[in-house]
Amino acid sequence: MASPDPLELLLSADPPQRQTYRWGTVTTASPVEVRLDGDPEGAEIRPTSLVAVADGDRAYIQIIGRQAVLMGIRK
């Protein structure tokens, strides 16, 4: 049996996950919940927050795959 090529182990067959940035509004500060702008369903997401937030803050969200990170706010 041949051993696997080490490069094949490092390279993923899956394409890299797409990264997007969106604006939203903080609806709940603890736990952090954000409603994304232009979301027709009005669903709220629970991102990991890198900054302290308050209800009503405008939030800049990074989304990669199914993960969301609140990168910053604009008061």
PDB file of N, CA and C in Angstrom:
ATOM      1  N   MET A   1       0.845  -1.175   0.000  1.00  0.00           N
ATOM      2  CA  MET A   1       0.000   0.000   0.000  1.00  0.00           C
ATOM      3  C   MET A   1       0.892   1.239   0.000  1.00  0.00           C
ATOM      4  N   ALA A   2       0.624   2.151  -0.901  1.00  0.00           N
ATOM      5  CA  ALA A   2       1.423   3.370  -1.017  1.00  0.00           C
ATOM      6  C   ALA A   2       1.024   4.367   0.064  1.00  0.00           C
ATOM      7  N   SER A   3       1.998   5.070   0.571  1.00  0.00           N
ATOM      8  CA  SER A   3       1.694   6.095   1.575  1.00  0.00           C
ATOM      9  C   SER A   3       1.123   7.324   0.871  1.00  0.00           C
ATOM     10  N   PRO A   4       0.236   8.063   1.548  1.00  0.00           N
ATOM     11  CA  PRO A   4      -0.370   9.237   0.907  1.00  0.00           C
ATOM     12  C   PRO A   4       0.665  10.336   0.675  1.00  0.00           C
ATOM     13  N   ASP A   5       0.433  11.093  -0.366  1.00  0.00           N
ATOM     14  CA  ASP A   5       1.293  12.230  -0.682  1.00  0.00           C
ATOM     15  C   ASP A   5       1.109  13.287   0.413  1.00  0.00           C
ATOM     16  N   PRO A   6       2.182  13.733   1.073  1.00  0.00           N
ATOM     17  CA  PRO A   6       2.041  14.710   2.157  1.00  0.00           C
ATOM     18  C   PRO A   6       1.373  16.010   1.722  1.00  0.00           C
ATOM     19  N   LEU A   7       1.563  16.407   0.468  1.00  0.00           N
ATOM     20  CA  LEU A   7       0.918  17.635   0.004  1.00  0.00           C
ATOM     21  C   LEU A   7      -0.594  17.476  -0.075  1.00  0.00           C
ATOM     22  N   GLU A   8      -1.061  16.292  -0.411  1.00  0.00           N
ATOM     23  CA  GLU A   8      -2.502  16.058  -0.467  1.00  0.00           C
ATOM     24  C   GLU A   8      -3.129  16.192   0.906  1.00  0.00           C
ATOM     25  N   LEU A   9      -2.385  15.837   1.942  1.00  0.00           N
ATOM     26  CA  LEU A   9      -2.908  15.975   3.297  1.00  0.00           C
ATOM     27  C   LEU A   9      -3.051  17.437   3.695  1.00  0.00           C
ATOM     28  N   LEU A  10      -2.195  18.301   3.161  1.00  0.00           N
ATOM     29  CA  LEU A  10      -2.244  19.717   3.501  1.00  0.00           C
ATOM     30  C   LEU A  10      -3.277  20.490   2.694  1.00  0.00           C
ATOM     31  N   LEU A  11      -3.516  20.059   1.473  1.00  0.00           N
ATOM     32  CA  LEU A  11      -4.448  20.763   0.601  1.00  0.00           C
ATOM     33  C   LEU A  11      -5.850  20.213   0.780  1.00  0.00           C
ATOM     34  N   SER A  12      -6.786  21.077   1.029  1.00  0.00           N
ATOM     35  CA  SER A  12      -8.172  20.669   1.208  1.00  0.00           C
ATOM     36  C   SER A  12      -8.857  20.563  -0.149  1.00  0.00           C
ATOM     37  N   ALA A  13      -9.714  19.581  -0.286  1.00  0.00           N
ATOM     38  CA  ALA A  13     -10.496  19.442  -1.515  1.00  0.00           C
ATOM     39  C   ALA A  13     -11.629  20.464  -1.545  1.00  0.00           C
ATOM     40  N   ASP A  14     -12.001  20.969  -0.367  1.00  0.00           N
ATOM     41  CA  ASP A  14     -13.076  21.950  -0.286  1.00  0.00           C
ATOM     42  C   ASP A  14     -12.544  23.334  -0.649  1.00  0.00           C
ATOM     43  N   PRO A  15     -13.334  24.116  -1.387  1.00  0.00           N
ATOM     44  CA  PRO A  15     -12.897  25.475  -1.692  1.00  0.00           C
ATOM     45  C   PRO A  15     -12.906  26.318  -0.415  1.00  0.00           C
ATOM     46  N   PRO A  16     -12.115  27.368  -0.366  1.00  0.00           N
ATOM     47  CA  PRO A  16     -12.115  28.212   0.832  1.00  0.00           C
ATOM     48  C   PRO A  16     -13.482  28.851   1.034  1.00  0.00           C
ATOM     49  N   GLN A  17     -13.838  29.041   2.296  1.00  0.00           N
ATOM     50  CA  GLN A  17     -15.133  29.633   2.594  1.00  0.00           C
ATOM     51  C   GLN A  17     -15.121  31.110   2.232  1.00  0.00           C
ATOM     52  N   ARG A  18     -16.233  31.552   1.672  1.00  0.00           N
ATOM     53  CA  ARG A  18     -16.363  32.935   1.250  1.00  0.00           C
ATOM     54  C   ARG A  18     -16.487  33.847   2.468  1.00  0.00           C
ATOM     55  N   GLN A  19     -15.829  34.969   2.402  1.00  0.00           N
ATOM     56  CA  GLN A  19     -15.853  35.941   3.488  1.00  0.00           C
ATOM     57  C   GLN A  19     -16.635  37.158   3.028  1.00  0.00           C
ATOM     58  N   THR A  20     -17.582  37.618   3.843  1.00  0.00           N
ATOM     59  CA  THR A  20     -18.341  38.819   3.522  1.00  0.00           C
ATOM     60  C   THR A  20     -18.391  39.722   4.744  1.00  0.00           C
ATOM     61  N   TYR A  21     -18.692  40.986   4.498  1.00  0.00           N
ATOM     62  CA  TYR A  21     -18.870  41.963   5.571  1.00  0.00           C
ATOM     63  C   TYR A  21     -20.240  42.598   5.398  1.00  0.00           C
ATOM     64  N   ARG A  22     -20.964  42.744   6.511  1.00  0.00           N
ATOM     65  CA  ARG A  22     -22.310  43.321   6.461  1.00  0.00           C
ATOM     66  C   ARG A  22     -22.493  44.285   7.626  1.00  0.00           C
ATOM     67  N   TRP A  23     -23.375  45.246   7.432  1.00  0.00           N
ATOM     68  CA  TRP A  23     -23.782  46.137   8.511  1.00  0.00           C
ATOM     69  C   TRP A  23     -25.076  45.617   9.106  1.00  0.00           C
ATOM     70  N   GLY A  24     -25.275  45.904  10.367  1.00  0.00           N
ATOM     71  CA  GLY A  24     -26.502  45.520  11.042  1.00  0.00           C
ATOM     72  C   GLY A  24     -26.728  46.412  12.251  1.00  0.00           C
ATOM     73  N   THR A  25     -27.796  46.115  12.986  1.00  0.00           N
ATOM     74  CA  THR A  25     -28.143  46.869  14.189  1.00  0.00           C
ATOM     75  C   THR A  25     -28.201  45.921  15.367  1.00  0.00           C
ATOM     76  N   VAL A  26     -27.537  46.310  16.465  1.00  0.00           N
ATOM     77  CA  VAL A  26     -27.561  45.497  17.682  1.00  0.00           C
ATOM     78  C   VAL A  26     -28.964  45.588  18.271  1.00  0.00           C
ATOM     79  N   THR A  27     -29.616  44.442  18.434  1.00  0.00           N
ATOM     80  CA  THR A  27     -30.953  44.418  19.020  1.00  0.00           C
ATOM     81  C   THR A  27     -30.912  44.046  20.494  1.00  0.00           C
ATOM     82  N   THR A  28     -29.908  43.288  20.898  1.00  0.00           N
ATOM     83  CA  THR A  28     -29.718  42.902  22.295  1.00  0.00           C
ATOM     84  C   THR A  28     -28.224  42.934  22.587  1.00  0.00           C
ATOM     85  N   ALA A  29     -27.853  43.586  23.703  1.00  0.00           N
ATOM     86  CA  ALA A  29     -26.432  43.708  24.034  1.00  0.00           C
ATOM     87  C   ALA A  29     -25.889  42.488  24.770  1.00  0.00           C
ATOM     88  N   SER A  30     -26.733  41.798  25.539  1.00  0.00           N
ATOM     89  CA  SER A  30     -26.244  40.635  26.288  1.00  0.00           C
ATOM     90  C   SER A  30     -27.327  39.571  26.357  1.00  0.00           C
ATOM     91  N   PRO A  31     -27.163  38.467  25.655  1.00  0.00           N
ATOM     92  CA  PRO A  31     -26.102  38.145  24.705  1.00  0.00           C
ATOM     93  C   PRO A  31     -26.262  38.993  23.440  1.00  0.00           C
ATOM     94  N   VAL A  32     -25.161  39.214  22.755  1.00  0.00           N
ATOM     95  CA  VAL A  32     -25.175  40.079  21.568  1.00  0.00           C
ATOM     96  C   VAL A  32     -26.007  39.432  20.467  1.00  0.00           C
ATOM     97  N   GLU A  33     -26.998  40.188  19.991  1.00  0.00           N
ATOM     98  CA  GLU A  33     -27.808  39.768  18.844  1.00  0.00           C
ATOM     99  C   GLU A  33     -27.870  40.938  17.878  1.00  0.00           C
ATOM    100  N   VAL A  34     -27.750  40.639  16.591  1.00  0.00           N
ATOM    101  CA  VAL A  34     -27.713  41.672  15.556  1.00  0.00           C
ATOM    102  C   VAL A  34     -28.689  41.306  14.446  1.00  0.00           C
ATOM    103  N   ARG A  35     -29.424  42.309  13.972  1.00  0.00           N
ATOM    104  CA  ARG A  35     -30.268  42.138  12.784  1.00  0.00           C
ATOM    105  C   ARG A  35     -29.518  42.762  11.616  1.00  0.00           C
ATOM    106  N   LEU A  36     -29.210  41.944  10.614  1.00  0.00           N
ATOM    107  CA  LEU A  36     -28.439  42.409   9.457  1.00  0.00           C
ATOM    108  C   LEU A  36     -29.291  43.286   8.550  1.00  0.00           C
ATOM    109  N   ASP A  37     -28.685  44.338   8.013  1.00  0.00           N
ATOM    110  CA  ASP A  37     -29.374  45.219   7.073  1.00  0.00           C
ATOM    111  C   ASP A  37     -29.766  44.446   5.826  1.00  0.00           C
ATOM    112  N   GLY A  38     -30.965  44.705   5.326  1.00  0.00           N
ATOM    113  CA  GLY A  38     -31.410  44.108   4.076  1.00  0.00           C
ATOM    114  C   GLY A  38     -31.810  42.658   4.170  1.00  0.00           C
ATOM    115  N   ASP A  39     -31.853  42.106   5.375  1.00  0.00           N
ATOM    116  CA  ASP A  39     -32.251  40.705   5.530  1.00  0.00           C
ATOM    117  C   ASP A  39     -33.769  40.626   5.443  1.00  0.00           C
ATOM    118  N   PRO A  40     -34.307  40.004   4.390  1.00  0.00           N
ATOM    119  CA  PRO A  40     -35.753  39.977   4.206  1.00  0.00           C
ATOM    120  C   PRO A  40     -36.487  39.227   5.318  1.00  0.00           C
ATOM    121  N   GLU A  41     -35.825  38.265   5.946  1.00  0.00           N
ATOM    122  CA  GLU A  41     -36.472  37.497   7.009  1.00  0.00           C
ATOM    123  C   GLU A  41     -36.379  38.200   8.359  1.00  0.00           C
ATOM    124  N   GLY A  42     -35.480  39.162   8.475  1.00  0.00           N
ATOM    125  CA  GLY A  42     -35.319  39.870   9.736  1.00  0.00           C
ATOM    126  C   GLY A  42     -34.756  38.998  10.843  1.00  0.00           C
ATOM    127  N   ALA A  43     -34.071  37.924  10.464  1.00  0.00           N
ATOM    128  CA  ALA A  43     -33.511  37.005  11.454  1.00  0.00           C
ATOM    129  C   ALA A  43     -32.370  37.676  12.198  1.00  0.00           C
ATOM    130  N   GLU A  44     -32.269  37.377  13.481  1.00  0.00           N
ATOM    131  CA  GLU A  44     -31.182  37.913  14.281  1.00  0.00           C
ATOM    132  C   GLU A  44     -30.085  36.868  14.389  1.00  0.00           C
ATOM    133  N   ILE A  45     -28.839  37.331  14.332  1.00  0.00           N
ATOM    134  CA  ILE A  45     -27.700  36.429  14.473  1.00  0.00           C
ATOM    135  C   ILE A  45     -27.004  36.732  15.793  1.00  0.00           C
ATOM    136  N   ARG A  46     -26.241  35.772  16.283  1.00  0.00           N
ATOM    137  CA  ARG A  46     -25.482  35.942  17.525  1.00  0.00           C
ATOM    138  C   ARG A  46     -23.990  35.850  17.219  1.00  0.00           C
ATOM    139  N   PRO A  47     -23.390  36.979  16.840  1.00  0.00           N
ATOM    140  CA  PRO A  47     -21.967  36.955  16.502  1.00  0.00           C
ATOM    141  C   PRO A  47     -21.091  36.963  17.749  1.00  0.00           C
ATOM    142  N   THR A  48     -19.858  36.544  17.582  1.00  0.00           N
ATOM    143  CA  THR A  48     -18.845  36.753  18.604  1.00  0.00           C
ATOM    144  C   THR A  48     -18.464  38.225  18.513  1.00  0.00           C
ATOM    145  N   SER A  49     -18.474  38.931  19.641  1.00  0.00           N
ATOM    146  CA  SER A  49     -18.204  40.365  19.613  1.00  0.00           C
ATOM    147  C   SER A  49     -16.800  40.673  20.103  1.00  0.00           C
ATOM    148  N   LEU A  50     -16.076  41.504  19.342  1.00  0.00           N
ATOM    149  CA  LEU A  50     -14.738  41.939  19.726  1.00  0.00           C
ATOM    150  C   LEU A  50     -14.759  43.255  20.492  1.00  0.00           C
ATOM    151  N   VAL A  51     -15.933  43.885  20.584  1.00  0.00           N
ATOM    152  CA  VAL A  51     -16.062  45.176  21.260  1.00  0.00           C
ATOM    153  C   VAL A  51     -17.312  45.181  22.134  1.00  0.00           C
ATOM    154  N   ALA A  52     -17.347  46.109  23.093  1.00  0.00           N
ATOM    155  CA  ALA A  52     -18.544  46.285  23.921  1.00  0.00           C
ATOM    156  C   ALA A  52     -19.619  46.971  23.077  1.00  0.00           C
ATOM    157  N   VAL A  53     -20.863  46.530  23.226  1.00  0.00           N
ATOM    158  CA  VAL A  53     -21.957  47.085  22.433  1.00  0.00           C
ATOM    159  C   VAL A  53     -23.125  47.461  23.333  1.00  0.00           C
ATOM    160  N   ALA A  54     -24.000  48.302  22.794  1.00  0.00           N
ATOM    161  CA  ALA A  54     -25.243  48.673  23.462  1.00  0.00           C
ATOM    162  C   ALA A  54     -26.379  48.494  22.461  1.00  0.00           C
ATOM    163  N   ASP A  55     -27.585  48.349  22.973  1.00  0.00           N
ATOM    164  CA  ASP A  55     -28.749  48.226  22.097  1.00  0.00           C
ATOM    165  C   ASP A  55     -28.803  49.425  21.148  1.00  0.00           C
ATOM    166  N   GLY A  56     -29.073  49.165  19.881  1.00  0.00           N
ATOM    167  CA  GLY A  56     -29.202  50.220  18.889  1.00  0.00           C
ATOM    168  C   GLY A  56     -27.916  50.598  18.179  1.00  0.00           C
ATOM    169  N   ASP A  57     -26.762  50.105  18.639  1.00  0.00           N
ATOM    170  CA  ASP A  57     -25.495  50.400  17.957  1.00  0.00           C
ATOM    171  C   ASP A  57     -25.507  49.823  16.549  1.00  0.00           C
ATOM    172  N   ARG A  58     -24.838  50.527  15.630  1.00  0.00           N
ATOM    173  CA  ARG A  58     -24.627  50.005  14.281  1.00  0.00           C
ATOM    174  C   ARG A  58     -23.403  49.109  14.342  1.00  0.00           C
ATOM    175  N   ALA A  59     -23.504  47.913  13.788  1.00  0.00           N
ATOM    176  CA  ALA A  59     -22.445  46.914  13.926  1.00  0.00           C
ATOM    177  C   ALA A  59     -21.904  46.507  12.563  1.00  0.00           C
ATOM    178  N   TYR A  60     -20.585  46.345  12.496  1.00  0.00           N
ATOM    179  CA  TYR A  60     -19.905  45.873  11.286  1.00  0.00           C
ATOM    180  C   TYR A  60     -19.547  44.411  11.522  1.00  0.00           C
ATOM    181  N   ILE A  61     -20.127  43.518  10.729  1.00  0.00           N
ATOM    182  CA  ILE A  61     -20.034  42.081  10.955  1.00  0.00           C
ATOM    183  C   ILE A  61     -19.227  41.412   9.846  1.00  0.00           C
ATOM    184  N   GLN A  62     -18.298  40.550  10.234  1.00  0.00           N
ATOM    185  CA  GLN A  62     -17.569  39.699   9.290  1.00  0.00           C
ATOM    186  C   GLN A  62     -18.218  38.321   9.348  1.00  0.00           C
ATOM    187  N   ILE A  63     -18.560  37.782   8.185  1.00  0.00           N
ATOM    188  CA  ILE A  63     -19.188  36.462   8.117  1.00  0.00           C
ATOM    189  C   ILE A  63     -18.313  35.557   7.259  1.00  0.00           C
ATOM    190  N   ILE A  64     -17.912  34.437   7.848  1.00  0.00           N
ATOM    191  CA  ILE A  64     -17.130  33.430   7.129  1.00  0.00           C
ATOM    192  C   ILE A  64     -17.831  32.100   7.351  1.00  0.00           C
ATOM    193  N   GLY A  65     -18.352  31.528   6.265  1.00  0.00           N
ATOM    194  CA  GLY A  65     -19.108  30.285   6.411  1.00  0.00           C
ATOM    195  C   GLY A  65     -20.320  30.523   7.303  1.00  0.00           C
ATOM    196  N   ARG A  66     -20.397  29.790   8.404  1.00  0.00           N
ATOM    197  CA  ARG A  66     -21.514  29.954   9.342  1.00  0.00           C
ATOM    198  C   ARG A  66     -21.131  30.751  10.581  1.00  0.00           C
ATOM    199  N   GLN A  67     -19.935  31.299  10.605  1.00  0.00           N
ATOM    200  CA  GLN A  67     -19.478  32.050  11.773  1.00  0.00           C
ATOM    201  C   GLN A  67     -19.555  33.543  11.508  1.00  0.00           C
ATOM    202  N   ALA A  68     -19.947  34.289  12.540  1.00  0.00           N
ATOM    203  CA  ALA A  68     -20.045  35.741  12.433  1.00  0.00           C
ATOM    204  C   ALA A  68     -19.261  36.380  13.576  1.00  0.00           C
ATOM    205  N   VAL A  69     -18.541  37.458  13.243  1.00  0.00           N
ATOM    206  CA  VAL A  69     -17.760  38.192  14.239  1.00  0.00           C
ATOM    207  C   VAL A  69     -18.117  39.669  14.127  1.00  0.00           C
ATOM    208  N   LEU A  70     -18.521  40.268  15.241  1.00  0.00           N
ATOM    209  CA  LEU A  70     -18.798  41.692  15.277  1.00  0.00           C
ATOM    210  C   LEU A  70     -17.452  42.398  15.420  1.00  0.00           C
ATOM    211  N   MET A  71     -17.022  43.069  14.348  1.00  0.00           N
ATOM    212  CA  MET A  71     -15.685  43.659  14.281  1.00  0.00           C
ATOM    213  C   MET A  71     -15.610  45.043  14.918  1.00  0.00           C
ATOM    214  N   GLY A  72     -16.701  45.793  14.854  1.00  0.00           N
ATOM    215  CA  GLY A  72     -16.690  47.148  15.392  1.00  0.00           C
ATOM    216  C   GLY A  72     -18.077  47.751  15.329  1.00  0.00           C
ATOM    217  N   ILE A  73     -18.216  48.939  15.931  1.00  0.00           N
ATOM    218  CA  ILE A  73     -19.519  49.606  15.954  1.00  0.00           C
ATOM    219  C   ILE A  73     -19.368  51.059  15.529  1.00  0.00           C
ATOM    220  N   ARG A  74     -20.496  51.624  15.176  1.00  0.00           N
ATOM    221  CA  ARG A  74     -20.585  53.053  14.891  1.00  0.00           C
ATOM    222  C   ARG A  74     -21.768  53.567  15.681  1.00  0.00           C
ATOM    223  N   LYS A  75     -21.521  54.498  16.574  1.00  0.00           N
ATOM    224  CA  LYS A  75     -22.590  55.015  17.446  1.00  0.00           C
ATOM    225  C   LYS A  75     -23.389  56.082  16.758  1.00  0.00           C
TER     226      LYS A  75
END
